[in-house]
Amino acid sequence: MQVVRASSLVDEIRNRLRLAILARELPAGEAVRDSVLAAQMQVSRAPVREALRALEQSGLVVKSPNKSYIVASFTPQDLADLAGVRLALEGLACRLSVSSAASSSGMESALSRLREAVNDQDSVAMVAADRQFHEALVAASGNGRLVANYAQICDQIELALHSNGALERGREGLVERHEELLAEYQRAVERRDLSQLLPLLESHIAGGLGMSFPSVAGYPS
């Protein structure tokens, strides 16, 4: 870890740890000790503790039985729960976006970045572009509270995608699956018809998290 020299110490520490976790420099299940991090960053333990509490709220670290922090990992049930919440939020975003005929330009830009990442065989960039695509879908809803709620689970989604390697394993066809979702969104806007978009979104989300379709089919879409 580099020495921290920032005006907002807690935010800087939190962001550095967040990036280290998402880049898998700190792998799932690894202990994250405030004393060790404080020594590495040459700061006191207090801001490190605050940063870890913030990361706990975003789901990137969890408290272990001995009260220390470890990098989060995901059970099959965790993934099903995450997929269900994600589907509920993105499904609502689709309804709002289609009803207002919102532009798909943000998704198109993210799709271009996804193509580049796949061509470069850059798994970190692939996950980031996938995140940007779905963030653009939610942002198109125009609902600030929905966007804020979705932002709370984005780090967990990104970590889950890195942890289970679903995107990298499914690299073949990854761009095409996003192209299909984008095209169906555009058709839904044109026809004011969600009947094909929502089932496709459910399948897309389940597949992205490395799950079978029935695993989240019980959640409302």
Protein backbone atom coordinates (compact mmCIF):
# COMPACT_ATOMS: atom_id res chain seq x y z
CA MET A 1 0.00 0.00 0.00
CA GLN A 2 1.18 3.53 -0.80
CA VAL A 3 1.48 6.30 1.77
CA VAL A 4 -1.74 8.30 1.92
CA ARG A 5 -1.45 12.06 1.48
CA ALA A 6 -5.01 13.29 1.00
CA SER A 7 -7.21 15.94 2.61
CA SER A 8 -10.05 13.47 3.09
CA LEU A 9 -8.14 10.66 4.72
CA VAL A 10 -11.01 8.27 5.35
CA ASP A 11 -12.34 8.61 1.79
CA GLU A 12 -8.89 8.09 0.32
CA ILE A 13 -8.26 4.98 2.42
CA ARG A 14 -11.71 3.60 1.63
CA ASN A 15 -11.21 4.15 -2.09
CA ARG A 16 -7.78 2.53 -2.12
CA LEU A 17 -9.07 -0.50 -0.26
CA ARG A 18 -12.14 -0.67 -2.49
CA LEU A 19 -10.00 -0.71 -5.63
CA ALA A 20 -7.65 -3.31 -4.13
CA ILE A 21 -10.61 -5.58 -3.35
CA LEU A 22 -12.26 -5.16 -6.74
CA ALA A 23 -8.93 -5.73 -8.50
CA ARG A 24 -8.53 -8.91 -6.39
CA GLU A 25 -5.31 -7.66 -4.82
CA LEU A 26 -7.16 -8.47 -1.60
CA PRO A 27 -8.92 -11.77 -2.42
CA ALA A 28 -12.18 -13.06 -0.97
CA GLY A 29 -11.80 -14.38 2.56
CA GLU A 30 -8.55 -12.53 3.26
CA ALA A 31 -8.23 -10.83 6.63
CA VAL A 32 -8.05 -7.04 6.51
CA ARG A 33 -6.47 -5.78 9.74
CA ASP A 34 -6.59 -2.12 10.62
CA SER A 35 -3.22 -2.25 12.40
CA VAL A 36 -1.47 -3.72 9.35
CA LEU A 37 -3.11 -1.30 6.93
CA ALA A 38 -2.35 1.68 9.16
CA ALA A 39 1.32 0.73 9.26
CA GLN A 40 1.44 0.20 5.47
CA MET A 41 -0.23 3.53 4.75
CA GLN A 42 1.58 5.37 7.55
CA VAL A 43 -1.62 6.66 9.12
CA SER A 44 -3.32 6.14 12.46
CA ARG A 45 -5.72 3.25 12.97
CA ALA A 46 -8.80 5.49 13.49
CA PRO A 47 -9.35 6.52 9.81
CA VAL A 48 -8.63 2.96 8.68
CA ARG A 49 -11.35 1.69 10.99
CA GLU A 50 -13.80 4.27 9.62
CA ALA A 51 -12.91 3.27 6.07
CA LEU A 52 -13.48 -0.40 6.88
CA ARG A 53 -16.87 0.40 8.41
CA ALA A 54 -17.83 2.19 5.18
CA LEU A 55 -16.70 -0.82 3.14
CA GLU A 56 -18.77 -3.06 5.40
CA GLN A 57 -21.84 -0.96 4.60
CA SER A 58 -21.20 -1.39 0.87
CA GLY A 59 -20.79 -5.15 1.31
CA LEU A 60 -17.13 -5.47 0.35
CA VAL A 61 -15.93 -6.59 3.78
CA VAL A 62 -17.67 -8.41 6.60
CA LYS A 63 -16.98 -8.87 10.29
CA SER A 64 -15.49 -12.24 11.18
CA PRO A 65 -16.43 -14.09 14.40
CA ASN A 66 -13.39 -12.59 16.14
CA LYS A 67 -14.63 -9.09 15.15
CA SER A 68 -11.89 -8.45 12.58
CA TYR A 69 -12.75 -7.73 8.95
CA ILE A 70 -12.40 -10.10 6.01
CA VAL A 71 -13.01 -9.53 2.29
CA ALA A 72 -16.53 -10.66 1.43
CA SER A 73 -17.24 -13.91 -0.38
CA PHE A 74 -20.53 -15.17 -1.82
CA THR A 75 -22.51 -18.33 -1.15
CA PRO A 76 -25.07 -19.52 -3.73
CA GLN A 77 -27.79 -18.01 -1.54
CA ASP A 78 -25.93 -14.69 -1.39
CA LEU A 79 -25.82 -14.65 -5.19
CA ALA A 80 -29.52 -15.48 -5.46
CA ASP A 81 -30.39 -12.69 -3.01
CA LEU A 82 -28.16 -10.22 -4.84
CA ALA A 83 -29.62 -11.22 -8.20
CA GLY A 84 -33.15 -10.77 -6.85
CA VAL A 85 -32.48 -7.26 -5.56
CA ARG A 86 -30.65 -6.36 -8.75
CA LEU A 87 -33.52 -7.63 -10.86
CA ALA A 88 -36.09 -5.68 -8.86
CA LEU A 89 -34.16 -2.43 -9.24
CA GLU A 90 -33.21 -2.86 -12.89
CA GLY A 91 -36.69 -4.08 -13.74
CA LEU A 92 -38.18 -0.93 -12.24
CA ALA A 93 -35.61 1.13 -14.12
CA CYS A 94 -36.70 -0.53 -17.37
CA ARG A 95 -40.34 0.30 -16.70
CA LEU A 96 -39.57 3.95 -15.99
CA SER A 97 -37.09 4.29 -18.86
CA VAL A 98 -39.37 2.70 -21.43
CA SER A 99 -42.38 4.75 -20.32
CA SER A 100 -40.39 7.96 -20.80
CA ALA A 101 -38.65 6.74 -23.97
CA ALA A 102 -35.28 7.44 -22.37
CA SER A 103 -32.19 7.51 -24.56
CA SER A 104 -29.97 4.44 -24.66
CA SER A 105 -26.81 6.48 -25.37
CA GLY A 106 -25.22 5.66 -22.01
CA MET A 107 -25.64 1.96 -22.62
CA GLU A 108 -24.24 2.31 -26.13
CA SER A 109 -21.09 4.03 -24.80
CA ALA A 110 -20.61 1.32 -22.17
CA LEU A 111 -21.06 -1.36 -24.82
CA SER A 112 -18.22 0.17 -26.85
CA ARG A 113 -15.98 -0.02 -23.79
CA LEU A 114 -17.04 -3.62 -23.24
CA ARG A 115 -16.01 -4.53 -26.80
CA GLU A 116 -12.58 -3.00 -26.21
CA ALA A 117 -12.16 -4.86 -22.92
CA VAL A 118 -13.08 -8.21 -24.49
CA ASN A 119 -10.71 -7.59 -27.40
CA ASP A 120 -7.94 -6.78 -24.91
CA GLN A 121 -8.86 -9.84 -22.79
CA ASP A 122 -8.94 -7.51 -19.76
CA SER A 123 -11.24 -9.12 -17.16
CA VAL A 124 -11.10 -6.11 -14.81
CA ALA A 125 -12.12 -3.76 -17.63
CA MET A 126 -14.85 -6.20 -18.70
CA VAL A 127 -16.44 -6.13 -15.26
CA ALA A 128 -16.13 -2.33 -15.13
CA ALA A 129 -17.79 -1.94 -18.55
CA ASP A 130 -20.54 -4.37 -17.59
CA ARG A 131 -21.16 -2.26 -14.48
CA GLN A 132 -21.26 0.94 -16.54
CA PHE A 133 -23.78 -0.61 -18.93
CA HIS A 134 -26.20 -1.48 -16.14
CA GLU A 135 -25.61 1.79 -14.30
CA ALA A 136 -26.56 3.58 -17.54
CA LEU A 137 -29.72 1.48 -17.75
CA VAL A 138 -30.70 2.49 -14.23
CA ALA A 139 -29.72 6.13 -14.77
CA ALA A 140 -32.02 6.27 -17.81
CA SER A 141 -34.94 5.89 -15.39
CA GLY A 142 -34.44 9.48 -14.27
CA ASN A 143 -35.28 8.44 -10.69
CA GLY A 144 -32.59 9.72 -8.34
CA ARG A 145 -33.62 7.53 -5.42
CA LEU A 146 -33.57 4.44 -7.59
CA VAL A 147 -30.10 5.35 -8.85
CA ALA A 148 -28.91 5.87 -5.26
CA ASN A 149 -30.31 2.52 -4.11
CA TYR A 150 -28.74 0.73 -7.07
CA ALA A 151 -25.39 2.36 -6.33
CA GLN A 152 -25.43 0.69 -2.90
CA ILE A 153 -25.20 -2.79 -4.45
CA CYS A 154 -22.91 -2.05 -7.41
CA ASP A 155 -19.70 -2.83 -5.55
CA GLN A 156 -21.18 -6.14 -4.36
CA ILE A 157 -22.22 -7.02 -7.92
CA GLU A 158 -18.76 -6.19 -9.23
CA LEU A 159 -17.06 -8.21 -6.49
CA ALA A 160 -19.38 -11.16 -7.12
CA LEU A 161 -18.57 -11.08 -10.84
CA HIS A 162 -14.85 -11.06 -10.06
CA SER A 163 -15.15 -13.70 -7.37
CA ASN A 164 -17.02 -16.33 -9.36
CA GLY A 165 -15.31 -15.52 -12.66
CA ALA A 166 -18.66 -15.69 -14.48
CA LEU A 167 -17.91 -12.89 -16.91
CA GLU A 168 -14.46 -14.17 -17.76
CA ARG A 169 -15.73 -17.72 -18.24
CA GLY A 170 -18.55 -16.34 -20.37
CA ARG A 171 -16.30 -14.03 -22.38
CA GLU A 172 -17.41 -15.69 -25.58
CA GLY A 173 -20.72 -14.09 -26.42
CA LEU A 174 -20.45 -11.45 -23.68
CA VAL A 175 -20.65 -8.53 -26.09
CA GLU A 176 -23.45 -10.21 -28.03
CA ARG A 177 -25.52 -10.69 -24.86
CA HIS A 178 -25.27 -7.00 -24.07
CA GLU A 179 -26.02 -6.10 -27.68
CA GLU A 180 -29.14 -8.25 -27.44
CA LEU A 181 -30.25 -6.55 -24.24
CA LEU A 182 -29.64 -3.10 -25.70
CA ALA A 183 -31.53 -3.96 -28.90
CA GLU A 184 -34.47 -5.30 -26.89
CA TYR A 185 -34.50 -2.16 -24.75
CA GLN A 186 -34.63 -0.04 -27.90
CA ARG A 187 -37.49 -2.17 -29.29
CA ALA A 188 -39.35 -1.86 -25.99
CA VAL A 189 -39.06 1.92 -26.15
CA GLU A 190 -40.28 1.96 -29.73
CA ARG A 191 -43.25 -0.34 -29.04
CA ARG A 192 -43.92 0.67 -25.41
CA ASP A 193 -43.88 -3.05 -24.66
CA LEU A 194 -41.87 -4.67 -21.85
CA SER A 195 -43.05 -8.23 -22.45
CA GLN A 196 -39.76 -9.36 -24.04
CA LEU A 197 -37.37 -7.04 -22.23
CA LEU A 198 -38.06 -8.10 -18.64
CA PRO A 199 -37.62 -11.87 -19.15
CA LEU A 200 -34.43 -11.18 -21.12
CA LEU A 201 -33.17 -8.95 -18.31
CA GLU A 202 -33.84 -11.70 -15.76
CA SER A 203 -31.94 -14.26 -17.81
CA HIS A 204 -29.11 -11.78 -18.40
CA ILE A 205 -28.71 -11.01 -14.69
CA ALA A 206 -28.84 -14.66 -13.64
CA GLY A 207 -26.30 -15.66 -16.28
CA GLY A 208 -23.98 -12.79 -15.39
CA LEU A 209 -23.79 -14.02 -11.81
CA GLY A 210 -23.13 -17.57 -12.96
CA MET A 211 -26.55 -18.85 -11.92
CA SER A 212 -29.22 -20.84 -13.68
CA PHE A 213 -32.37 -19.01 -14.74
CA PRO A 214 -34.71 -20.70 -12.20
CA SER A 215 -32.48 -19.55 -9.32
CA VAL A 216 -33.98 -16.06 -9.45
CA ALA A 217 -37.21 -16.78 -11.30
CA GLY A 218 -39.20 -16.47 -8.10
CA TYR A 219 -38.33 -12.80 -7.74
CA PRO A 220 -40.75 -10.24 -9.19
CA SER A 221 -39.68 -8.72 -12.49
